[in-house]
Each structure stands twice: as structure tokens, then as C-alpha cells.
Amino acid sequence: MTIDKNTALVLEGGGLRGVFTCGVLDFFMDCGITFPFIVGVSAGACNGLSYMSGQRGRAKSSNIDLMEKYQYVGFKYLLSQGCIMDYKLLFEDFPEKIIPYDYDAYFANPTRFVMVTTNCLTGKPEYLEEKKSSERVMDIVRASSSLPFVTKITYVDGIPMLDGGIVDSIPIRYALDQGYENIVVVLTRNKGYRKKDTKIRAAKAFYRKYPKLQEALFVRNSAYNKTMDLIEKLEEQGRITVIRPVNPVNVGRMEKDVTKLTALYQEGYEVAAQIL
């Protein structure tokens, strides 16, 4: 695989399954591999930030080492913060104090880095970039990672937003529309995975103020499956490179088992090494 000015990197989300992506990106950093354009969603956006700042191992530490120490996933945070995770710890204490984020390195990186969110008013994706304001960077990545139903709506530029995976889980079409012909896609599910095509009934109760968001949630699974159909078609044609787990994924979106997380991280590193 050749990486040149026409190469884009697309990073899927998937919650704690994103530790697979951590392994892939750490391999890239070990080999000095960079891309001119990166677009990430949810956990893909979070992990992509550490890749953009060149902080090798930072994403792994956040998702595995500090999970063991802080146990930041749990229903107790729904009561105290309105989120299934300790978002104060993740988006304030981690980047500011515990594992400080290198904003200077990020801002100086010439790579375009796009994070995907869902606009609750329009029910459409927002493809957001920021290379000046550290506060806005964190607002965007937090919005991109704000899972529906189990986290609060996040505001970016005064606009209510949620997880970009609602409307564009794997933004390969966006990368193509930006003119990139050579695309590397990092997935967090096994080949052939599809979501059950069912409507999410709770959307009306949770998001009465946002009818367009309700519509997006109703078709979320079918939209994801169509994107996967496209990815597998392009992969078969040899037009894109896909890096995905080979072994059956037994890590849940809110996984807390450090042994499972470590194994999936290591698989990401090894699969990337085999492909590249």
C-alpha cells in the first residue's frame, strides 16, 4: 500500500472496541506513517486526536490502563452526570491533568483532521475541523462521542449535537467526496457484520424536541448496513484498504474487562503490521 497526497484515513467508532484502532494507530506511529487527511467518528475521533498529536500509547492508556484504575464506565455516572461514562474525567481531567494532551503538536500538524457529529436540529452529519481553539477541539470530540440515550446532548457553536455515528458511522463517502482516491479504513467489527434493521422506538420519548434526529435514529441501522455494503464492494474491487479485527470480537461498546481490551488492542497492532 502506498500513502501519498491522495490517501485518506477513515476511523470508525464503536466505544471501547476502539482499542483495536488504538493498536493500529500505535503501529502507524512506530513506523512513522502519516496521512494528509483523517476523518474520525466517536471513538475514532478520540483515538485520532492522540495520533494527530503524535502521543504514542496515549489512547491505549486512556482506554485500558486508566479504565482499570478509574473504572469510568457505569450507570452511577448517569445519575451524577447524565452520562454512562465519567465525561468530566475523560474530557477534562484526562487531557488537562492526568495524561495532558499536546495541543501545540496537534495545531502544528499539517494533516487535515475532521471529526463527525450529528446535528440534532437537522438530523444531518456535521464534519468539523479545529486547529486554533483547544476548547472547541474538546467540544467537538465530546459531541462526536456523545452516545444517544445514555449521554447528554453536547453543544458546539451553540448547536445541539450527538454522536456522529448516528448518521455517518464510517465516513468513507465523505472522504471520496473530498477527492481522496486511495483510502485506508479502520473498522472495529469483523468482516460481514451488519446491524439488525430495527427502528429505535425510544427516540420519540427521548428526543421530542428534535424530530429530524428521531428520523435519523429510525434509519440508523439500515444506513450503517448500506455503508458496509459499499465498503466491502470497494474492498473487493481493490480500491480501498480495510483494517479490521480478524478474531471474533467479544468486546462490548462499554467493555470494562481489561484483559479483553488488551487483547483487542494487540490484535489491532498485529493486523496493521500484517497488512502494511
Protein backbone atom coordinates (compact mmCIF):
# COMPACT_ATOMS: atom_id res chain seq x y z
CA MET A 1 0.00 0.00 0.00
CA THR A 2 1.30 3.42 -0.98
CA ILE A 3 0.47 6.50 1.08
CA ASP A 4 0.60 9.74 -0.88
CA LYS A 5 -1.19 13.09 -1.15
CA ASN A 6 -4.35 11.27 -2.34
CA THR A 7 -4.56 8.97 0.69
CA ALA A 8 -7.19 9.35 3.41
CA LEU A 9 -7.61 7.55 6.72
CA VAL A 10 -11.15 6.79 7.93
CA LEU A 11 -11.68 5.76 11.57
CA GLU A 12 -14.87 4.04 12.73
CA GLY A 13 -16.15 4.43 16.30
CA GLY A 14 -17.51 1.63 18.44
CA GLY A 15 -16.91 2.71 22.02
CA LEU A 16 -14.33 0.55 23.80
CA ARG A 17 -13.99 -1.60 20.68
CA GLY A 18 -11.94 1.37 19.54
CA VAL A 19 -8.95 -0.13 21.36
CA PHE A 20 -8.44 -2.07 18.12
CA THR A 21 -7.91 1.29 16.42
CA CYS A 22 -5.50 2.31 19.20
CA GLY A 23 -3.32 -0.66 18.25
CA VAL A 24 -3.46 0.22 14.55
CA LEU A 25 -2.53 3.86 15.17
CA ASP A 26 0.31 2.95 17.53
CA PHE A 27 1.72 0.75 14.77
CA PHE A 28 1.46 3.68 12.36
CA MET A 29 3.34 5.91 14.80
CA ASP A 30 6.03 3.27 15.37
CA CYS A 31 6.57 3.18 11.60
CA GLY A 32 6.35 6.94 11.07
CA ILE A 33 3.24 6.55 8.89
CA THR A 34 1.19 9.72 8.42
CA PHE A 35 -1.76 10.72 6.23
CA PRO A 36 -2.69 14.06 4.64
CA PHE A 37 -6.35 13.64 5.62
CA ILE A 38 -8.07 11.85 8.51
CA VAL A 39 -11.76 11.67 9.38
CA GLY A 40 -12.91 10.00 12.60
CA VAL A 41 -16.20 9.31 14.33
CA SER A 42 -16.84 8.95 18.06
CA ALA A 43 -14.11 6.70 19.49
CA GLY A 44 -12.37 7.04 16.13
CA ALA A 45 -12.22 10.79 16.67
CA CYS A 46 -10.90 10.36 20.22
CA ASN A 47 -8.17 7.95 19.16
CA GLY A 48 -7.37 10.03 16.10
CA LEU A 49 -6.59 13.03 18.30
CA SER A 50 -3.74 11.19 20.05
CA TYR A 51 -2.44 10.08 16.64
CA MET A 52 -2.58 13.67 15.41
CA SER A 53 -0.52 14.89 18.38
CA GLY A 54 1.96 12.03 17.98
CA GLN A 55 1.41 10.80 21.55
CA ARG A 56 2.13 7.12 21.06
CA GLY A 57 0.37 4.97 23.67
CA ARG A 58 -1.82 7.79 24.98
CA ALA A 59 -5.06 6.36 23.57
CA LYS A 60 -4.18 2.89 24.87
CA SER A 61 -3.52 4.32 28.31
CA SER A 62 -6.85 6.18 28.29
CA ASN A 63 -8.87 3.16 27.20
CA ILE A 64 -7.12 0.35 29.05
CA ASP A 65 -4.68 1.36 31.79
CA LEU A 66 -6.80 4.16 33.20
CA MET A 67 -10.00 2.15 32.77
CA GLU A 68 -8.55 -0.33 35.24
CA LYS A 69 -7.60 2.47 37.62
CA TYR A 70 -10.68 4.71 37.41
CA GLN A 71 -13.48 2.38 36.18
CA TYR A 72 -15.06 5.34 34.39
CA VAL A 73 -17.92 3.35 32.79
CA GLY A 74 -21.06 2.69 34.81
CA PHE A 75 -24.69 3.57 35.47
CA LYS A 76 -23.69 5.60 38.53
CA TYR A 77 -22.49 8.31 36.15
CA LEU A 78 -25.96 8.51 34.62
CA LEU A 79 -27.19 9.71 37.99
CA SER A 80 -24.35 12.13 38.72
CA GLN A 81 -23.58 13.46 35.22
CA GLY A 82 -26.33 12.24 32.92
CA CYS A 83 -23.80 10.10 31.01
CA ILE A 84 -22.94 6.41 31.04
CA MET A 85 -19.26 7.39 31.35
CA ASP A 86 -17.44 9.86 33.56
CA TYR A 87 -17.23 12.54 30.87
CA LYS A 88 -15.68 15.06 33.26
CA LEU A 89 -12.78 12.67 33.77
CA LEU A 90 -12.50 11.79 30.07
CA PHE A 91 -12.78 15.24 28.52
CA GLU A 92 -11.47 17.50 31.29
CA ASP A 93 -9.21 15.70 33.77
CA PHE A 94 -7.53 13.36 31.26
CA PRO A 95 -6.48 15.98 28.67
CA GLU A 96 -5.74 18.71 31.20
CA LYS A 97 -4.07 16.86 34.11
CA ILE A 98 -3.76 13.08 34.03
CA ILE A 99 -2.41 12.47 30.51
CA PRO A 100 -2.08 16.03 29.16
CA TYR A 101 -2.94 16.44 25.51
CA ASP A 102 -0.28 18.10 23.35
CA TYR A 103 -2.37 20.78 21.66
CA ASP A 104 0.73 22.50 20.25
CA ALA A 105 1.71 19.35 18.34
CA TYR A 106 -1.86 18.91 17.14
CA PHE A 107 -2.17 22.50 15.90
CA ALA A 108 1.20 22.27 14.14
CA ASN A 109 0.29 19.02 12.36
CA PRO A 110 -0.39 19.82 8.67
CA THR A 111 -2.81 16.88 8.35
CA ARG A 112 -6.48 17.79 7.97
CA PHE A 113 -8.38 16.19 10.83
CA VAL A 114 -12.17 16.03 10.63
CA MET A 115 -14.49 14.86 13.41
CA VAL A 116 -18.07 13.84 12.64
CA THR A 117 -21.04 14.84 14.80
CA THR A 118 -24.81 14.65 14.38
CA ASN A 119 -26.72 17.93 14.29
CA CYS A 120 -29.80 17.33 16.44
CA LEU A 121 -31.78 20.08 14.68
CA THR A 122 -31.23 18.87 11.13
CA GLY A 123 -30.59 15.16 11.70
CA LYS A 124 -27.59 15.54 9.36
CA PRO A 125 -23.87 14.99 9.87
CA GLU A 126 -21.53 17.85 10.63
CA TYR A 127 -17.90 17.47 9.52
CA LEU A 128 -15.96 19.73 11.85
CA GLU A 129 -12.33 20.83 11.99
CA GLU A 130 -10.48 22.98 14.51
CA LYS A 131 -6.80 23.94 14.61
CA LYS A 132 -6.81 27.03 16.87
CA SER A 133 -9.06 26.65 19.92
CA SER A 134 -8.33 23.83 22.39
CA GLU A 135 -11.74 24.36 23.98
CA ARG A 136 -13.54 23.90 20.67
CA VAL A 137 -11.47 20.78 19.89
CA MET A 138 -12.75 19.19 23.10
CA ASP A 139 -16.32 20.36 22.44
CA ILE A 140 -16.26 18.69 19.03
CA VAL A 141 -14.72 15.39 20.12
CA ARG A 142 -17.09 15.23 23.08
CA ALA A 143 -20.08 15.81 20.79
CA SER A 144 -18.79 13.19 18.35
CA SER A 145 -18.67 10.72 21.26
CA SER A 146 -21.99 11.61 22.91
CA LEU A 147 -23.93 8.39 22.51
CA PRO A 148 -27.70 8.76 22.14
CA PHE A 149 -29.90 7.82 25.11
CA VAL A 150 -27.02 7.32 27.57
CA THR A 151 -25.25 10.69 27.33
CA LYS A 152 -26.38 14.28 27.36
CA ILE A 153 -26.58 16.39 24.24
CA THR A 154 -23.40 18.42 23.72
CA TYR A 155 -23.33 21.91 22.23
CA VAL A 156 -20.81 23.04 19.63
CA ASP A 157 -21.04 26.66 18.49
CA GLY A 158 -24.39 26.77 20.26
CA ILE A 159 -25.80 23.88 18.21
CA PRO A 160 -27.06 20.71 19.97
CA MET A 161 -25.12 17.68 18.77
CA LEU A 162 -24.69 13.97 19.44
CA ASP A 163 -22.52 11.06 18.30
CA GLY A 164 -21.58 11.25 14.62
CA GLY A 165 -22.16 7.52 14.35
CA ILE A 166 -25.91 8.13 14.29
CA VAL A 167 -25.75 9.45 10.74
CA ASP A 168 -22.29 8.55 9.39
CA SER A 169 -20.63 5.73 11.30
CA ILE A 170 -17.89 5.19 8.71
CA PRO A 171 -17.47 8.38 6.63
CA ILE A 172 -15.96 6.82 3.54
CA ARG A 173 -18.33 8.70 1.22
CA TYR A 174 -17.15 11.95 2.75
CA ALA A 175 -13.52 11.00 2.11
CA LEU A 176 -14.39 10.17 -1.51
CA ASP A 177 -16.28 13.47 -1.88
CA GLN A 178 -13.18 15.30 -0.63
CA GLY A 179 -11.32 13.92 -3.64
CA TYR A 180 -9.31 11.12 -2.00
CA GLU A 181 -8.97 8.07 -4.19
CA ASN A 182 -6.67 5.96 -2.00
CA ILE A 183 -8.43 5.26 1.31
CA VAL A 184 -7.49 3.24 4.38
CA VAL A 185 -10.48 2.33 6.54
CA VAL A 186 -10.07 1.10 10.13
CA LEU A 187 -13.13 -0.83 11.34
CA THR A 188 -13.90 -2.23 14.78
CA ARG A 189 -16.17 -5.09 13.71
CA ASN A 190 -15.47 -8.34 11.88
CA LYS A 191 -15.98 -8.70 8.14
CA GLY A 192 -19.62 -9.31 7.24
CA TYR A 193 -21.03 -7.67 10.35
CA ARG A 194 -24.40 -5.98 9.90
CA LYS A 195 -26.78 -4.34 12.36
CA LYS A 196 -30.30 -5.66 12.79
CA ASP A 197 -32.58 -3.45 10.71
CA THR A 198 -34.92 -2.38 13.50
CA LYS A 199 -36.30 1.04 14.40
CA ILE A 200 -35.31 2.55 17.73
CA ARG A 201 -38.69 3.20 19.36
CA ALA A 202 -37.28 5.13 22.30
CA ALA A 203 -36.26 8.01 20.04
CA LYS A 204 -39.66 9.73 20.22
CA ALA A 205 -39.69 9.68 24.01
CA PHE A 206 -36.10 10.84 24.42
CA TYR A 207 -35.90 13.47 21.68
CA ARG A 208 -39.35 15.05 21.33
CA LYS A 209 -37.79 18.44 20.57
CA TYR A 210 -35.76 17.04 17.69
CA PRO A 211 -37.95 15.33 15.06
CA LYS A 212 -35.14 15.24 12.49
CA LEU A 213 -32.92 13.46 14.99
CA GLN A 214 -35.70 10.94 15.57
CA GLU A 215 -35.83 10.24 11.85
CA ALA A 216 -32.08 9.72 11.75
CA LEU A 217 -32.23 7.27 14.64
CA PHE A 218 -35.04 5.32 12.96
CA VAL A 219 -32.85 4.62 9.90
CA ARG A 220 -29.50 4.44 11.67
CA ASN A 221 -29.02 0.69 11.34
CA SER A 222 -30.04 0.47 7.69
CA ALA A 223 -27.75 3.40 6.86
CA TYR A 224 -24.86 1.64 8.59
CA ASN A 225 -25.52 -1.55 6.64
CA LYS A 226 -25.55 0.32 3.32
CA THR A 227 -22.19 1.85 4.17
CA MET A 228 -20.79 -1.57 4.97
CA ASP A 229 -22.09 -2.88 1.65
CA LEU A 230 -20.22 -0.06 -0.10
CA ILE A 231 -17.01 -0.68 1.85
CA GLU A 232 -16.96 -4.39 1.07
CA LYS A 233 -17.69 -3.67 -2.59
CA LEU A 234 -14.81 -1.17 -2.84
CA GLU A 235 -12.55 -3.56 -0.96
CA GLU A 236 -13.32 -6.39 -3.40
CA GLN A 237 -12.53 -4.03 -6.28
CA GLY A 238 -9.16 -3.24 -4.71
CA ARG A 239 -10.00 0.45 -4.42
CA ILE A 240 -9.58 0.71 -0.63
CA THR A 241 -7.57 -0.94 2.13
CA VAL A 242 -9.56 -2.17 5.12
CA ILE A 243 -8.02 -2.97 8.51
CA ARG A 244 -10.45 -4.83 10.76
CA PRO A 245 -10.42 -7.43 13.56
CA VAL A 246 -9.83 -10.98 12.34
CA ASN A 247 -10.73 -12.86 15.50
CA PRO A 248 -14.36 -12.76 16.68
CA VAL A 249 -14.83 -9.51 18.60
CA ASN A 250 -16.00 -10.20 22.16
CA VAL A 251 -15.55 -6.65 23.41
CA GLY A 252 -18.69 -4.62 24.05
CA ARG A 253 -19.15 -0.90 23.45
CA MET A 254 -18.92 -0.31 27.23
CA GLU A 255 -16.45 -3.10 27.97
CA LYS A 256 -14.64 -2.99 31.33
CA ASP A 257 -12.67 -6.25 31.11
CA VAL A 258 -9.06 -5.07 30.79
CA THR A 259 -7.85 -8.48 29.58
CA LYS A 260 -10.27 -8.41 26.64
CA LEU A 261 -9.40 -4.79 25.86
CA THR A 262 -5.66 -5.52 25.88
CA ALA A 263 -6.09 -8.50 23.54
CA LEU A 264 -8.09 -6.41 21.05
CA TYR A 265 -5.50 -3.62 21.19
CA GLN A 266 -2.72 -6.11 20.47
CA GLU A 267 -4.73 -7.56 17.58
CA GLY A 268 -5.06 -4.09 16.06
CA TYR A 269 -1.30 -3.64 16.18
CA GLU A 270 -0.63 -7.07 14.67
CA VAL A 271 -3.26 -6.84 11.91
CA ALA A 272 -1.92 -3.43 10.83
CA ALA A 273 1.60 -4.89 10.72
CA GLN A 274 0.45 -7.82 8.57
CA ILE A 275 -1.39 -5.61 6.09
CA LEU A 276 1.19 -2.84 5.80
